[in-house]
Amino acid sequence: MGDALLVAVAGRLSESLRSGDTAARFGGDEFAILLEETAGPEDACQAAERVISALRAPLVIEDHEIQVHASVGIALTRRVARTRPS
């Protein structure tokens, strides 16, 4: 049942993301989401809200209703222009 739950959570995560974003399982019950083309912290916060909302509804696995909860951490980086060595 645990594997089925992880697959269902991954599906909900994928459905909450935009087409260029990526969700990946780190291990255990941890997932990472990479957002492409964000305008700033507001975009990251909106994505986090979409993920939490997507996981709010109970999942039904093998006739069992399961409620999952998520905590979200956000890390932002700036793009650095790449230069070619001369």
PDB file of N, CA and C in Angstrom:
ATOM      1  N   MET A   1       0.824  -1.178   0.000  1.00  0.00           N
ATOM      2  CA  MET A   1       0.000   0.000   0.000  1.00  0.00           C
ATOM      3  C   MET A   1       0.877   1.254   0.000  1.00  0.00           C
ATOM      4  N   GLY A   2       2.042   1.186   0.627  1.00  0.00           N
ATOM      5  CA  GLY A   2       2.941   2.334   0.677  1.00  0.00           C
ATOM      6  C   GLY A   2       3.396   2.784  -0.702  1.00  0.00           C
ATOM      7  N   ASP A   3       3.744   1.816  -1.559  1.00  0.00           N
ATOM      8  CA  ASP A   3       4.165   2.162  -2.915  1.00  0.00           C
ATOM      9  C   ASP A   3       3.032   2.818  -3.691  1.00  0.00           C
ATOM     10  N   ALA A   4       1.824   2.301  -3.541  1.00  0.00           N
ATOM     11  CA  ALA A   4       0.666   2.874  -4.232  1.00  0.00           C
ATOM     12  C   ALA A   4       0.401   4.303  -3.749  1.00  0.00           C
ATOM     13  N   LEU A   5       0.615   4.538  -2.473  1.00  0.00           N
ATOM     14  CA  LEU A   5       0.440   5.881  -1.933  1.00  0.00           C
ATOM     15  C   LEU A   5       1.470   6.841  -2.534  1.00  0.00           C
ATOM     16  N   LEU A   6       2.730   6.423  -2.621  1.00  0.00           N
ATOM     17  CA  LEU A   6       3.757   7.271  -3.208  1.00  0.00           C
ATOM     18  C   LEU A   6       3.462   7.581  -4.673  1.00  0.00           C
ATOM     19  N   VAL A   7       2.966   6.601  -5.408  1.00  0.00           N
ATOM     20  CA  VAL A   7       2.609   6.818  -6.816  1.00  0.00           C
ATOM     21  C   VAL A   7       1.458   7.824  -6.920  1.00  0.00           C
ATOM     22  N   ALA A   8       0.473   7.708  -6.042  1.00  0.00           N
ATOM     23  CA  ALA A   8      -0.668   8.629  -6.061  1.00  0.00           C
ATOM     24  C   ALA A   8      -0.230  10.055  -5.703  1.00  0.00           C
ATOM     25  N   VAL A   9       0.639  10.180  -4.721  1.00  0.00           N
ATOM     26  CA  VAL A   9       1.142  11.502  -4.343  1.00  0.00           C
ATOM     27  C   VAL A   9       1.939  12.098  -5.495  1.00  0.00           C
ATOM     28  N   ALA A  10       2.792  11.307  -6.122  1.00  0.00           N
ATOM     29  CA  ALA A  10       3.575  11.791  -7.260  1.00  0.00           C
ATOM     30  C   ALA A  10       2.656  12.258  -8.390  1.00  0.00           C
ATOM     31  N   GLY A  11       1.576  11.542  -8.609  1.00  0.00           N
ATOM     32  CA  GLY A  11       0.611  11.949  -9.630  1.00  0.00           C
ATOM     33  C   GLY A  11      -0.026  13.287  -9.307  1.00  0.00           C
ATOM     34  N   ARG A  12      -0.405  13.467  -8.065  1.00  0.00           N
ATOM     35  CA  ARG A  12      -0.995  14.749  -7.653  1.00  0.00           C
ATOM     36  C   ARG A  12       0.018  15.886  -7.791  1.00  0.00           C
ATOM     37  N   LEU A  13       1.259  15.618  -7.422  1.00  0.00           N
ATOM     38  CA  LEU A  13       2.294  16.637  -7.568  1.00  0.00           C
ATOM     39  C   LEU A  13       2.464  17.028  -9.031  1.00  0.00           C
ATOM     40  N   SER A  14       2.567  16.032  -9.888  1.00  0.00           N
ATOM     41  CA  SER A  14       2.747  16.298 -11.320  1.00  0.00           C
ATOM     42  C   SER A  14       1.594  17.097 -11.898  1.00  0.00           C
ATOM     43  N   GLU A  15       0.385  16.776 -11.475  1.00  0.00           N
ATOM     44  CA  GLU A  15      -0.792  17.488 -11.974  1.00  0.00           C
ATOM     45  C   GLU A  15      -0.812  18.943 -11.521  1.00  0.00           C
ATOM     46  N   SER A  16      -0.165  19.256 -10.414  1.00  0.00           N
ATOM     47  CA  SER A  16      -0.190  20.620  -9.889  1.00  0.00           C
ATOM     48  C   SER A  16       0.901  21.506 -10.494  1.00  0.00           C
ATOM     49  N   LEU A  17       1.803  20.910 -11.273  1.00  0.00           N
ATOM     50  CA  LEU A  17       2.919  21.664 -11.832  1.00  0.00           C
ATOM     51  C   LEU A  17       2.642  22.130 -13.254  1.00  0.00           C
ATOM     52  N   ARG A  18       3.426  23.104 -13.684  1.00  0.00           N
ATOM     53  CA  ARG A  18       3.356  23.564 -15.062  1.00  0.00           C
ATOM     54  C   ARG A  18       4.149  22.607 -15.948  1.00  0.00           C
ATOM     55  N   SER A  19       3.984  22.722 -17.247  1.00  0.00           N
ATOM     56  CA  SER A  19       4.594  21.754 -18.167  1.00  0.00           C
ATOM     57  C   SER A  19       6.121  21.714 -18.088  1.00  0.00           C
ATOM     58  N   GLY A  20       6.817  22.806 -17.830  1.00  0.00           N
ATOM     59  CA  GLY A  20       8.274  22.803 -17.794  1.00  0.00           C
ATOM     60  C   GLY A  20       8.877  22.475 -16.447  1.00  0.00           C
ATOM     61  N   ASP A  21       8.043  22.321 -15.411  1.00  0.00           N
ATOM     62  CA  ASP A  21       8.537  22.041 -14.062  1.00  0.00           C
ATOM     63  C   ASP A  21       8.782  20.546 -13.878  1.00  0.00           C
ATOM     64  N   THR A  22       9.581  20.197 -12.873  1.00  0.00           N
ATOM     65  CA  THR A  22       9.954  18.803 -12.642  1.00  0.00           C
ATOM     66  C   THR A  22       9.727  18.421 -11.185  1.00  0.00           C
ATOM     67  N   ALA A  23       9.120  17.259 -10.974  1.00  0.00           N
ATOM     68  CA  ALA A  23       8.983  16.687  -9.629  1.00  0.00           C
ATOM     69  C   ALA A  23       9.801  15.404  -9.589  1.00  0.00           C
ATOM     70  N   ALA A  24      10.532  15.188  -8.502  1.00  0.00           N
ATOM     71  CA  ALA A  24      11.344  13.987  -8.353  1.00  0.00           C
ATOM     72  C   ALA A  24      11.297  13.522  -6.907  1.00  0.00           C
ATOM     73  N   ARG A  25      11.322  12.226  -6.733  1.00  0.00           N
ATOM     74  CA  ARG A  25      11.336  11.666  -5.386  1.00  0.00           C
ATOM     75  C   ARG A  25      12.769  11.569  -4.907  1.00  0.00           C
ATOM     76  N   PHE A  26      13.051  12.142  -3.747  1.00  0.00           N
ATOM     77  CA  PHE A  26      14.379  12.066  -3.137  1.00  0.00           C
ATOM     78  C   PHE A  26      14.608  10.708  -2.502  1.00  0.00           C
ATOM     79  N   GLY A  27      13.602  10.187  -1.874  1.00  0.00           N
ATOM     80  CA  GLY A  27      13.699   8.939  -1.146  1.00  0.00           C
ATOM     81  C   GLY A  27      12.707   8.987  -0.008  1.00  0.00           C
ATOM     82  N   GLY A  28      12.302   7.839   0.454  1.00  0.00           N
ATOM     83  CA  GLY A  28      11.295   7.814   1.514  1.00  0.00           C
ATOM     84  C   GLY A  28      10.054   8.531   1.043  1.00  0.00           C
ATOM     85  N   ASP A  29       9.632   9.512   1.806  1.00  0.00           N
ATOM     86  CA  ASP A  29       8.430  10.265   1.432  1.00  0.00           C
ATOM     87  C   ASP A  29       8.772  11.713   1.068  1.00  0.00           C
ATOM     88  N   GLU A  30       9.994  11.937   0.599  1.00  0.00           N
ATOM     89  CA  GLU A  30      10.429  13.286   0.254  1.00  0.00           C
ATOM     90  C   GLU A  30      10.468  13.474  -1.253  1.00  0.00           C
ATOM     91  N   PHE A  31       9.936  14.612  -1.687  1.00  0.00           N
ATOM     92  CA  PHE A  31       9.949  14.967  -3.094  1.00  0.00           C
ATOM     93  C   PHE A  31      10.594  16.339  -3.251  1.00  0.00           C
ATOM     94  N   ALA A  32      11.186  16.573  -4.399  1.00  0.00           N
ATOM     95  CA  ALA A  32      11.729  17.889  -4.742  1.00  0.00           C
ATOM     96  C   ALA A  32      11.048  18.351  -6.018  1.00  0.00           C
ATOM     97  N   ILE A  33      10.820  19.631  -6.097  1.00  0.00           N
ATOM     98  CA  ILE A  33      10.200  20.210  -7.284  1.00  0.00           C
ATOM     99  C   ILE A  33      11.100  21.324  -7.790  1.00  0.00           C
ATOM    100  N   LEU A  34      11.446  21.255  -9.060  1.00  0.00           N
ATOM    101  CA  LEU A  34      12.268  22.280  -9.697  1.00  0.00           C
ATOM    102  C   LEU A  34      11.364  23.106 -10.598  1.00  0.00           C
ATOM    103  N   LEU A  35      11.318  24.384 -10.344  1.00  0.00           N
ATOM    104  CA  LEU A  35      10.482  25.284 -11.130  1.00  0.00           C
ATOM    105  C   LEU A  35      11.338  25.987 -12.170  1.00  0.00           C
ATOM    106  N   GLU A  36      10.912  25.953 -13.404  1.00  0.00           N
ATOM    107  CA  GLU A  36      11.593  26.655 -14.485  1.00  0.00           C
ATOM    108  C   GLU A  36      10.900  27.981 -14.735  1.00  0.00           C
ATOM    109  N   GLU A  37      11.672  28.955 -15.113  1.00  0.00           N
ATOM    110  CA  GLU A  37      11.123  30.247 -15.525  1.00  0.00           C
ATOM    111  C   GLU A  37      10.225  30.890 -14.469  1.00  0.00           C
ATOM    112  N   THR A  38      10.736  31.061 -13.292  1.00  0.00           N
ATOM    113  CA  THR A  38       9.969  31.768 -12.270  1.00  0.00           C
ATOM    114  C   THR A  38      10.325  33.249 -12.304  1.00  0.00           C
ATOM    115  N   ALA A  39       9.329  34.075 -12.032  1.00  0.00           N
ATOM    116  CA  ALA A  39       9.543  35.516 -12.023  1.00  0.00           C
ATOM    117  C   ALA A  39      10.076  35.990 -10.673  1.00  0.00           C
ATOM    118  N   GLY A  40      10.017  35.145  -9.673  1.00  0.00           N
ATOM    119  CA  GLY A  40      10.489  35.537  -8.356  1.00  0.00           C
ATOM    120  C   GLY A  40       9.828  34.731  -7.268  1.00  0.00           C
ATOM    121  N   PRO A  41       9.991  35.168  -6.035  1.00  0.00           N
ATOM    122  CA  PRO A  41       9.452  34.434  -4.892  1.00  0.00           C
ATOM    123  C   PRO A  41       7.939  34.225  -4.952  1.00  0.00           C
ATOM    124  N   GLU A  42       7.228  35.152  -5.558  1.00  0.00           N
ATOM    125  CA  GLU A  42       5.765  35.017  -5.644  1.00  0.00           C
ATOM    126  C   GLU A  42       5.374  33.773  -6.440  1.00  0.00           C
ATOM    127  N   ASP A  43       6.097  33.506  -7.542  1.00  0.00           N
ATOM    128  CA  ASP A  43       5.818  32.302  -8.339  1.00  0.00           C
ATOM    129  C   ASP A  43       6.067  31.038  -7.526  1.00  0.00           C
ATOM    130  N   ALA A  44       7.142  31.031  -6.748  1.00  0.00           N
ATOM    131  CA  ALA A  44       7.458  29.858  -5.926  1.00  0.00           C
ATOM    132  C   ALA A  44       6.385  29.645  -4.863  1.00  0.00           C
ATOM    133  N   CYS A  45       5.909  30.724  -4.265  1.00  0.00           N
ATOM    134  CA  CYS A  45       4.847  30.617  -3.259  1.00  0.00           C
ATOM    135  C   CYS A  45       3.549  30.113  -3.879  1.00  0.00           C
ATOM    136  N   GLN A  46       3.233  30.576  -5.076  1.00  0.00           N
ATOM    137  CA  GLN A  46       2.027  30.098  -5.758  1.00  0.00           C
ATOM    138  C   GLN A  46       2.144  28.607  -6.070  1.00  0.00           C
ATOM    139  N   ALA A  47       3.327  28.169  -6.498  1.00  0.00           N
ATOM    140  CA  ALA A  47       3.539  26.747  -6.776  1.00  0.00           C
ATOM    141  C   ALA A  47       3.376  25.928  -5.502  1.00  0.00           C
ATOM    142  N   ALA A  48       3.916  26.416  -4.391  1.00  0.00           N
ATOM    143  CA  ALA A  48       3.773  25.715  -3.112  1.00  0.00           C
ATOM    144  C   ALA A  48       2.304  25.607  -2.719  1.00  0.00           C
ATOM    145  N   GLU A  49       1.557  26.663  -2.916  1.00  0.00           N
ATOM    146  CA  GLU A  49       0.124  26.631  -2.603  1.00  0.00           C
ATOM    147  C   GLU A  49      -0.616  25.630  -3.482  1.00  0.00           C
ATOM    148  N   ARG A  50      -0.232  25.535  -4.761  1.00  0.00           N
ATOM    149  CA  ARG A  50      -0.862  24.545  -5.659  1.00  0.00           C
ATOM    150  C   ARG A  50      -0.574  23.127  -5.185  1.00  0.00           C
ATOM    151  N   VAL A  51       0.656  22.878  -4.760  1.00  0.00           N
ATOM    152  CA  VAL A  51       1.039  21.541  -4.281  1.00  0.00           C
ATOM    153  C   VAL A  51       0.250  21.188  -3.020  1.00  0.00           C
ATOM    154  N   ILE A  52       0.212  22.084  -2.067  1.00  0.00           N
ATOM    155  CA  ILE A  52      -0.515  21.823  -0.822  1.00  0.00           C
ATOM    156  C   ILE A  52      -1.993  21.604  -1.109  1.00  0.00           C
ATOM    157  N   SER A  53      -2.550  22.396  -1.995  1.00  0.00           N
ATOM    158  CA  SER A  53      -3.961  22.240  -2.362  1.00  0.00           C
ATOM    159  C   SER A  53      -4.210  20.893  -3.041  1.00  0.00           C
ATOM    160  N   ALA A  54      -3.285  20.475  -3.908  1.00  0.00           N
ATOM    161  CA  ALA A  54      -3.446  19.202  -4.617  1.00  0.00           C
ATOM    162  C   ALA A  54      -3.422  18.015  -3.660  1.00  0.00           C
ATOM    163  N   LEU A  55      -2.714  18.162  -2.557  1.00  0.00           N
ATOM    164  CA  LEU A  55      -2.611  17.056  -1.592  1.00  0.00           C
ATOM    165  C   LEU A  55      -3.657  17.126  -0.484  1.00  0.00           C
ATOM    166  N   ARG A  56      -4.466  18.167  -0.492  1.00  0.00           N
ATOM    167  CA  ARG A  56      -5.444  18.365   0.582  1.00  0.00           C
ATOM    168  C   ARG A  56      -6.554  17.307   0.559  1.00  0.00           C
ATOM    169  N   ALA A  57      -7.036  16.951  -0.620  1.00  0.00           N
ATOM    170  CA  ALA A  57      -8.121  15.958  -0.718  1.00  0.00           C
ATOM    171  C   ALA A  57      -7.585  14.569  -0.366  1.00  0.00           C
ATOM    172  N   PRO A  58      -8.359  13.775   0.351  1.00  0.00           N
ATOM    173  CA  PRO A  58      -7.901  12.427   0.720  1.00  0.00           C
ATOM    174  C   PRO A  58      -7.642  11.558  -0.516  1.00  0.00           C
ATOM    175  N   LEU A  59      -6.719  10.640  -0.384  1.00  0.00           N
ATOM    176  CA  LEU A  59      -6.432   9.646  -1.414  1.00  0.00           C
ATOM    177  C   LEU A  59      -7.109   8.347  -1.008  1.00  0.00           C
ATOM    178  N   VAL A  60      -7.588   7.601  -1.976  1.00  0.00           N
ATOM    179  CA  VAL A  60      -8.176   6.289  -1.691  1.00  0.00           C
ATOM    180  C   VAL A  60      -7.246   5.238  -2.282  1.00  0.00           C
ATOM    181  N   ILE A  61      -6.662   4.442  -1.411  1.00  0.00           N
ATOM    182  CA  ILE A  61      -5.730   3.384  -1.800  1.00  0.00           C
ATOM    183  C   ILE A  61      -6.249   2.076  -1.225  1.00  0.00           C
ATOM    184  N   GLU A  62      -6.520   1.120  -2.104  1.00  0.00           N
ATOM    185  CA  GLU A  62      -7.005  -0.200  -1.682  1.00  0.00           C
ATOM    186  C   GLU A  62      -8.158  -0.079  -0.685  1.00  0.00           C
ATOM    187  N   ASP A  63      -9.145   0.715  -1.030  1.00  0.00           N
ATOM    188  CA  ASP A  63     -10.350   0.929  -0.214  1.00  0.00           C
ATOM    189  C   ASP A  63     -10.081   1.616   1.124  1.00  0.00           C
ATOM    190  N   HIS A  64      -8.929   2.217   1.290  1.00  0.00           N
ATOM    191  CA  HIS A  64      -8.616   2.977   2.500  1.00  0.00           C
ATOM    192  C   HIS A  64      -8.477   4.443   2.130  1.00  0.00           C
ATOM    193  N   GLU A  65      -9.129   5.298   2.872  1.00  0.00           N
ATOM    194  CA  GLU A  65      -8.998   6.735   2.662  1.00  0.00           C
ATOM    195  C   GLU A  65      -7.812   7.237   3.476  1.00  0.00           C
ATOM    196  N   ILE A  66      -6.877   7.877   2.790  1.00  0.00           N
ATOM    197  CA  ILE A  66      -5.653   8.328   3.433  1.00  0.00           C
ATOM    198  C   ILE A  66      -5.518   9.832   3.238  1.00  0.00           C
ATOM    199  N   GLN A  67      -5.267  10.511   4.336  1.00  0.00           N
ATOM    200  CA  GLN A  67      -5.044  11.962   4.296  1.00  0.00           C
ATOM    201  C   GLN A  67      -3.550  12.205   4.434  1.00  0.00           C
ATOM    202  N   VAL A  68      -2.969  12.908   3.490  1.00  0.00           N
ATOM    203  CA  VAL A  68      -1.550  13.235   3.581  1.00  0.00           C
ATOM    204  C   VAL A  68      -1.391  14.730   3.851  1.00  0.00           C
ATOM    205  N   HIS A  69      -0.275  15.086   4.434  1.00  0.00           N
ATOM    206  CA  HIS A  69       0.044  16.479   4.717  1.00  0.00           C
ATOM    207  C   HIS A  69       1.426  16.770   4.156  1.00  0.00           C
ATOM    208  N   ALA A  70       1.633  17.988   3.734  1.00  0.00           N
ATOM    209  CA  ALA A  70       2.921  18.356   3.158  1.00  0.00           C
ATOM    210  C   ALA A  70       3.488  19.577   3.870  1.00  0.00           C
ATOM    211  N   SER A  71       4.784  19.591   3.974  1.00  0.00           N
ATOM    212  CA  SER A  71       5.479  20.812   4.376  1.00  0.00           C
ATOM    213  C   SER A  71       6.361  21.191   3.200  1.00  0.00           C
ATOM    214  N   VAL A  72       6.488  22.482   2.970  1.00  0.00           N
ATOM    215  CA  VAL A  72       7.193  22.957   1.785  1.00  0.00           C
ATOM    216  C   VAL A  72       8.297  23.917   2.201  1.00  0.00           C
ATOM    217  N   GLY A  73       9.463  23.704   1.659  1.00  0.00           N
ATOM    218  CA  GLY A  73      10.573  24.639   1.808  1.00  0.00           C
ATOM    219  C   GLY A  73      10.905  25.191   0.439  1.00  0.00           C
ATOM    220  N   ILE A  74      11.296  26.440   0.388  1.00  0.00           N
ATOM    221  CA  ILE A  74      11.584  27.080  -0.898  1.00  0.00           C
ATOM    222  C   ILE A  74      13.016  27.614  -0.865  1.00  0.00           C
ATOM    223  N   ALA A  75      13.772  27.294  -1.906  1.00  0.00           N
ATOM    224  CA  ALA A  75      15.119  27.834  -2.083  1.00  0.00           C
ATOM    225  C   ALA A  75      15.162  28.532  -3.436  1.00  0.00           C
ATOM    226  N   LEU A  76      15.618  29.762  -3.449  1.00  0.00           N
ATOM    227  CA  LEU A  76      15.713  30.537  -4.684  1.00  0.00           C
ATOM    228  C   LEU A  76      17.167  30.774  -5.052  1.00  0.00           C
ATOM    229  N   THR A  77      17.444  30.752  -6.340  1.00  0.00           N
ATOM    230  CA  THR A  77      18.775  31.085  -6.825  1.00  0.00           C
ATOM    231  C   THR A  77      18.644  32.089  -7.957  1.00  0.00           C
ATOM    232  N   ARG A  78      19.691  32.804  -8.191  1.00  0.00           N
ATOM    233  CA  ARG A  78      19.724  33.711  -9.337  1.00  0.00           C
ATOM    234  C   ARG A  78      20.474  33.016 -10.454  1.00  0.00           C
ATOM    235  N   ARG A  79      20.045  33.288 -11.670  1.00  0.00           N
ATOM    236  CA  ARG A  79      20.780  32.752 -12.810  1.00  0.00           C
ATOM    237  C   ARG A  79      22.064  33.541 -12.973  1.00  0.00           C
ATOM    238  N   VAL A  80      23.119  32.816 -13.262  1.00  0.00           N
ATOM    239  CA  VAL A  80      24.404  33.456 -13.485  1.00  0.00           C
ATOM    240  C   VAL A  80      24.729  33.321 -14.965  1.00  0.00           C
ATOM    241  N   ALA A  81      25.075  34.432 -15.581  1.00  0.00           N
ATOM    242  CA  ALA A  81      25.411  34.395 -16.999  1.00  0.00           C
ATOM    243  C   ALA A  81      26.688  33.580 -17.179  1.00  0.00           C
ATOM    244  N   ARG A  82      26.639  32.696 -18.128  1.00  0.00           N
ATOM    245  CA  ARG A  82      27.821  31.877 -18.417  1.00  0.00           C
ATOM    246  C   ARG A  82      28.678  32.583 -19.461  1.00  0.00           C
ATOM    247  N   THR A  83      29.938  32.587 -19.217  1.00  0.00           N
ATOM    248  CA  THR A  83      30.858  33.158 -20.194  1.00  0.00           C
ATOM    249  C   THR A  83      31.795  32.064 -20.661  1.00  0.00           C
ATOM    250  N   ARG A  84      32.196  32.176 -21.874  1.00  0.00           N
ATOM    251  CA  ARG A  84      33.127  31.186 -22.416  1.00  0.00           C
ATOM    252  C   ARG A  84      34.554  31.617 -22.109  1.00  0.00           C
ATOM    253  N   PRO A  85      35.396  30.660 -21.767  1.00  0.00           N
ATOM    254  CA  PRO A  85      36.795  31.021 -21.518  1.00  0.00           C
ATOM    255  C   PRO A  85      37.436  31.564 -22.785  1.00  0.00           C
ATOM    256  N   SER A  86      38.324  32.558 -22.625  1.00  0.00           N
ATOM    257  CA  SER A  86      38.964  33.129 -23.818  1.00  0.00           C
ATOM    258  C   SER A  86      40.206  32.375 -24.203  1.00  0.00           C
TER     259      SER A  86
END
